[in-house]
């Protein structure tokens, strides 16, 4: 897994993705802050995992488990009061697994209507049966 951070001051986007599905919106709270006053990276990762599981669970029509975080990039810090929008799309459907791309955009409390891409990740989920074993995914 590669977890990197980059500082791109001009990361504001004009519009949100139209080729991806909005799967989650959330506002981080004070309990989610680190000692520097930014939101914990681990909290963001947990939200990305939740957001990333939405489309695979729907596609596979059942239980899924996270098997890999293929890539995770923190582009900008997430701040207290940000409204985070999580967009996702299918990247690959295998025999038992589904890989998705998740992009996270922050709408800063002081600049409503402007969006900043703060995180992107690629995750892989595996369809599992009632016993927790991989099961085949029916192709749609």
C-alpha atoms as a PDB file:
ATOM      1  CA  UNK A   1       0.000   0.000   0.000  1.00  0.00           C
ATOM      2  CA  UNK A   2       1.348   3.424  -0.819  1.00  0.00           C
ATOM      3  CA  UNK A   3       0.244   6.199   1.489  1.00  0.00           C
ATOM      4  CA  UNK A   4       1.591   9.554   0.391  1.00  0.00           C
ATOM      5  CA  UNK A   5       0.868  13.189   0.943  1.00  0.00           C
ATOM      6  CA  UNK A   6       1.311  16.003  -1.513  1.00  0.00           C
ATOM      7  CA  UNK A   7       0.794  19.706  -1.147  1.00  0.00           C
ATOM      8  CA  UNK A   8      -0.895  21.115  -4.193  1.00  0.00           C
ATOM      9  CA  UNK A   9      -1.981  24.664  -3.416  1.00  0.00           C
ATOM     10  CA  UNK A  10      -4.014  24.945  -6.620  1.00  0.00           C
ATOM     11  CA  UNK A  11      -6.085  21.822  -6.053  1.00  0.00           C
ATOM     12  CA  UNK A  12      -9.454  23.624  -6.174  1.00  0.00           C
ATOM     13  CA  UNK A  13     -11.790  22.068  -8.689  1.00  0.00           C
ATOM     14  CA  UNK A  14     -14.428  23.849 -10.730  1.00  0.00           C
ATOM     15  CA  UNK A  15     -16.954  21.025 -10.487  1.00  0.00           C
ATOM     16  CA  UNK A  16     -17.446  17.687  -8.830  1.00  0.00           C
ATOM     17  CA  UNK A  17     -17.089  14.433 -10.817  1.00  0.00           C
ATOM     18  CA  UNK A  18     -19.919  13.628 -13.204  1.00  0.00           C
ATOM     19  CA  UNK A  19     -18.599  10.160 -14.084  1.00  0.00           C
ATOM     20  CA  UNK A  20     -18.654   8.968 -10.462  1.00  0.00           C
ATOM     21  CA  UNK A  21     -21.394   8.342  -7.913  1.00  0.00           C
ATOM     22  CA  UNK A  22     -21.760  10.367  -4.714  1.00  0.00           C
ATOM     23  CA  UNK A  23     -21.792   7.604  -2.082  1.00  0.00           C
ATOM     24  CA  UNK A  24     -21.228   9.475   1.210  1.00  0.00           C
ATOM     25  CA  UNK A  25     -21.268  12.973   2.712  1.00  0.00           C
ATOM     26  CA  UNK A  26     -19.941  13.618   6.195  1.00  0.00           C
ATOM     27  CA  UNK A  27     -18.705  16.438   8.435  1.00  0.00           C
ATOM     28  CA  UNK A  28     -15.753  15.576  10.705  1.00  0.00           C
ATOM     29  CA  UNK A  29     -16.203  16.519  14.350  1.00  0.00           C
ATOM     30  CA  UNK A  30     -13.775  17.792  17.033  1.00  0.00           C
ATOM     31  CA  UNK A  31     -13.180  14.258  18.350  1.00  0.00           C
ATOM     32  CA  UNK A  32     -11.742  13.391  14.902  1.00  0.00           C
ATOM     33  CA  UNK A  33      -8.908  15.974  15.184  1.00  0.00           C
ATOM     34  CA  UNK A  34      -5.232  15.282  15.768  1.00  0.00           C
ATOM     35  CA  UNK A  35      -2.932  17.415  17.941  1.00  0.00           C
ATOM     36  CA  UNK A  36      -2.356  19.834  15.031  1.00  0.00           C
ATOM     37  CA  UNK A  37      -6.068  20.530  14.661  1.00  0.00           C
ATOM     38  CA  UNK A  38      -6.429  18.645  11.381  1.00  0.00           C
ATOM     39  CA  UNK A  39      -8.569  15.530  10.988  1.00  0.00           C
ATOM     40  CA  UNK A  40      -6.811  12.218  11.680  1.00  0.00           C
ATOM     41  CA  UNK A  41      -5.702  10.456   8.502  1.00  0.00           C
ATOM     42  CA  UNK A  42      -6.991   7.200   9.983  1.00  0.00           C
ATOM     43  CA  UNK A  43     -10.458   8.702  10.351  1.00  0.00           C
ATOM     44  CA  UNK A  44     -10.393   9.736   6.696  1.00  0.00           C
ATOM     45  CA  UNK A  45      -9.215   6.235   5.730  1.00  0.00           C
ATOM     46  CA  UNK A  46     -12.126   4.653   7.629  1.00  0.00           C
ATOM     47  CA  UNK A  47     -14.617   6.916   5.832  1.00  0.00           C
ATOM     48  CA  UNK A  48     -13.018   6.064   2.458  1.00  0.00           C
ATOM     49  CA  UNK A  49     -13.372   2.356   3.252  1.00  0.00           C
ATOM     50  CA  UNK A  50     -17.076   2.846   4.039  1.00  0.00           C
ATOM     51  CA  UNK A  51     -17.622   4.908   0.894  1.00  0.00           C
ATOM     52  CA  UNK A  52     -15.643   2.455  -1.218  1.00  0.00           C
ATOM     53  CA  UNK A  53     -17.792  -0.482  -0.132  1.00  0.00           C
ATOM     54  CA  UNK A  54     -21.115   0.984  -1.314  1.00  0.00           C
ATOM     55  CA  UNK A  55     -20.903   0.185  -5.035  1.00  0.00           C
ATOM     56  CA  UNK A  56     -19.229  -3.249  -4.653  1.00  0.00           C
ATOM     57  CA  UNK A  57     -21.856  -4.411  -2.126  1.00  0.00           C
ATOM     58  CA  UNK A  58     -24.627  -3.306  -4.474  1.00  0.00           C
ATOM     59  CA  UNK A  59     -22.957  -4.866  -7.527  1.00  0.00           C
ATOM     60  CA  UNK A  60     -22.169  -8.154  -5.772  1.00  0.00           C
ATOM     61  CA  UNK A  61     -25.596  -8.171  -4.105  1.00  0.00           C
ATOM     62  CA  UNK A  62     -24.292  -9.129  -0.718  1.00  0.00           C
ATOM     63  CA  UNK A  63     -21.557  -9.170   1.811  1.00  0.00           C
ATOM     64  CA  UNK A  64     -18.129  -7.799   0.960  1.00  0.00           C
ATOM     65  CA  UNK A  65     -14.827  -7.536   2.805  1.00  0.00           C
ATOM     66  CA  UNK A  66     -11.956  -5.129   2.185  1.00  0.00           C
ATOM     67  CA  UNK A  67      -8.945  -7.127   0.957  1.00  0.00           C
ATOM     68  CA  UNK A  68      -6.590  -4.403  -0.255  1.00  0.00           C
ATOM     69  CA  UNK A  69      -5.924  -0.725  -0.150  1.00  0.00           C
ATOM     70  CA  UNK A  70      -4.047  -0.546  -3.434  1.00  0.00           C
ATOM     71  CA  UNK A  71      -3.276   3.158  -3.236  1.00  0.00           C
ATOM     72  CA  UNK A  72      -4.122   5.964  -0.834  1.00  0.00           C
ATOM     73  CA  UNK A  73      -3.056   9.564  -1.407  1.00  0.00           C
ATOM     74  CA  UNK A  74      -3.647  12.446   0.993  1.00  0.00           C
ATOM     75  CA  UNK A  75      -3.544  15.530  -1.223  1.00  0.00           C
ATOM     76  CA  UNK A  76      -4.619  18.201   1.274  1.00  0.00           C
ATOM     77  CA  UNK A  77      -5.415  18.214   4.993  1.00  0.00           C
ATOM     78  CA  UNK A  78      -9.009  17.798   6.067  1.00  0.00           C
ATOM     79  CA  UNK A  79     -10.084  20.484   8.507  1.00  0.00           C
ATOM     80  CA  UNK A  80     -12.661  20.677  11.233  1.00  0.00           C
ATOM     81  CA  UNK A  81     -15.936  21.882   9.731  1.00  0.00           C
ATOM     82  CA  UNK A  82     -15.217  20.660   6.187  1.00  0.00           C
ATOM     83  CA  UNK A  83     -18.146  19.064   4.394  1.00  0.00           C
ATOM     84  CA  UNK A  84     -16.641  15.982   2.750  1.00  0.00           C
ATOM     85  CA  UNK A  85     -18.144  14.437  -0.378  1.00  0.00           C
ATOM     86  CA  UNK A  86     -17.015  10.922  -1.312  1.00  0.00           C
ATOM     87  CA  UNK A  87     -17.351   9.881  -4.960  1.00  0.00           C
ATOM     88  CA  UNK A  88     -16.736   6.356  -6.211  1.00  0.00           C
ATOM     89  CA  UNK A  89     -16.721   4.314  -9.396  1.00  0.00           C
ATOM     90  CA  UNK A  90     -15.956   0.745 -10.442  1.00  0.00           C
ATOM     91  CA  UNK A  91     -12.464   0.192 -11.797  1.00  0.00           C
ATOM     92  CA  UNK A  92     -12.437  -3.591 -12.203  1.00  0.00           C
ATOM     93  CA  UNK A  93     -14.712  -6.560 -11.591  1.00  0.00           C
ATOM     94  CA  UNK A  94     -12.979  -9.918 -11.156  1.00  0.00           C
ATOM     95  CA  UNK A  95     -14.260 -13.402 -10.401  1.00  0.00           C
ATOM     96  CA  UNK A  96     -14.667 -12.722  -6.658  1.00  0.00           C
ATOM     97  CA  UNK A  97     -13.364  -9.181  -6.253  1.00  0.00           C
ATOM     98  CA  UNK A  98     -14.248  -5.618  -7.168  1.00  0.00           C
ATOM     99  CA  UNK A  99     -11.834  -2.672  -7.299  1.00  0.00           C
ATOM    100  CA  UNK A 100     -13.088   0.886  -6.914  1.00  0.00           C
ATOM    101  CA  UNK A 101     -11.679   4.388  -7.079  1.00  0.00           C
ATOM    102  CA  UNK A 102     -12.753   6.803  -4.336  1.00  0.00           C
ATOM    103  CA  UNK A 103     -12.149  10.548  -4.560  1.00  0.00           C
ATOM    104  CA  UNK A 104     -12.845  12.853  -1.615  1.00  0.00           C
ATOM    105  CA  UNK A 105     -13.657  16.541  -1.968  1.00  0.00           C
ATOM    106  CA  UNK A 106     -13.817  19.084   0.845  1.00  0.00           C
ATOM    107  CA  UNK A 107     -16.074  22.090   0.854  1.00  0.00           C
ATOM    108  CA  UNK A 108     -14.440  24.413   3.374  1.00  0.00           C
ATOM    109  CA  UNK A 109     -16.767  26.065   5.854  1.00  0.00           C
ATOM    110  CA  UNK A 110     -15.392  29.517   4.932  1.00  0.00           C
ATOM    111  CA  UNK A 111     -15.676  29.013   1.152  1.00  0.00           C
ATOM    112  CA  UNK A 112     -18.987  27.353   0.390  1.00  0.00           C
ATOM    113  CA  UNK A 113     -19.410  26.197  -3.205  1.00  0.00           C
ATOM    114  CA  UNK A 114     -15.658  25.728  -3.741  1.00  0.00           C
ATOM    115  CA  UNK A 115     -14.289  22.211  -3.671  1.00  0.00           C
ATOM    116  CA  UNK A 116     -10.831  20.898  -2.917  1.00  0.00           C
ATOM    117  CA  UNK A 117      -9.779  17.348  -3.722  1.00  0.00           C
ATOM    118  CA  UNK A 118      -8.279  16.134  -0.450  1.00  0.00           C
ATOM    119  CA  UNK A 119      -7.899  12.378  -0.887  1.00  0.00           C
ATOM    120  CA  UNK A 120      -8.034   9.650  -3.498  1.00  0.00           C
ATOM    121  CA  UNK A 121      -7.759   5.919  -3.045  1.00  0.00           C
ATOM    122  CA  UNK A 122      -8.111   2.641  -4.886  1.00  0.00           C
ATOM    123  CA  UNK A 123      -9.497  -0.255  -2.853  1.00  0.00           C
ATOM    124  CA  UNK A 124     -10.350  -3.877  -3.575  1.00  0.00           C
ATOM    125  CA  UNK A 125     -13.218  -5.766  -1.951  1.00  0.00           C
ATOM    126  CA  UNK A 126     -13.995  -9.472  -2.141  1.00  0.00           C
ATOM    127  CA  UNK A 127     -17.497 -10.936  -2.152  1.00  0.00           C
ATOM    128  CA  UNK A 128     -17.938 -13.365   0.732  1.00  0.00           C
ATOM    129  CA  UNK A 129     -20.543 -15.959   1.633  1.00  0.00           C
ATOM    130  CA  UNK A 130     -22.235 -16.558   5.009  1.00  0.00           C
ATOM    131  CA  UNK A 131     -19.114 -18.407   6.204  1.00  0.00           C
ATOM    132  CA  UNK A 132     -16.767 -15.573   5.242  1.00  0.00           C
ATOM    133  CA  UNK A 133     -15.335 -17.408   2.246  1.00  0.00           C
ATOM    134  CA  UNK A 134     -14.900 -15.797  -1.186  1.00  0.00           C
ATOM    135  CA  UNK A 135     -17.840 -16.309  -3.541  1.00  0.00           C
ATOM    136  CA  UNK A 136     -18.193 -15.678  -7.242  1.00  0.00           C
ATOM    137  CA  UNK A 137     -19.705 -12.422  -8.426  1.00  0.00           C
ATOM    138  CA  UNK A 138     -22.434 -12.694 -11.024  1.00  0.00           C
ATOM    139  CA  UNK A 139     -21.579 -10.458 -14.013  1.00  0.00           C
ATOM    140  CA  UNK A 140     -24.090  -7.702 -14.813  1.00  0.00           C
END
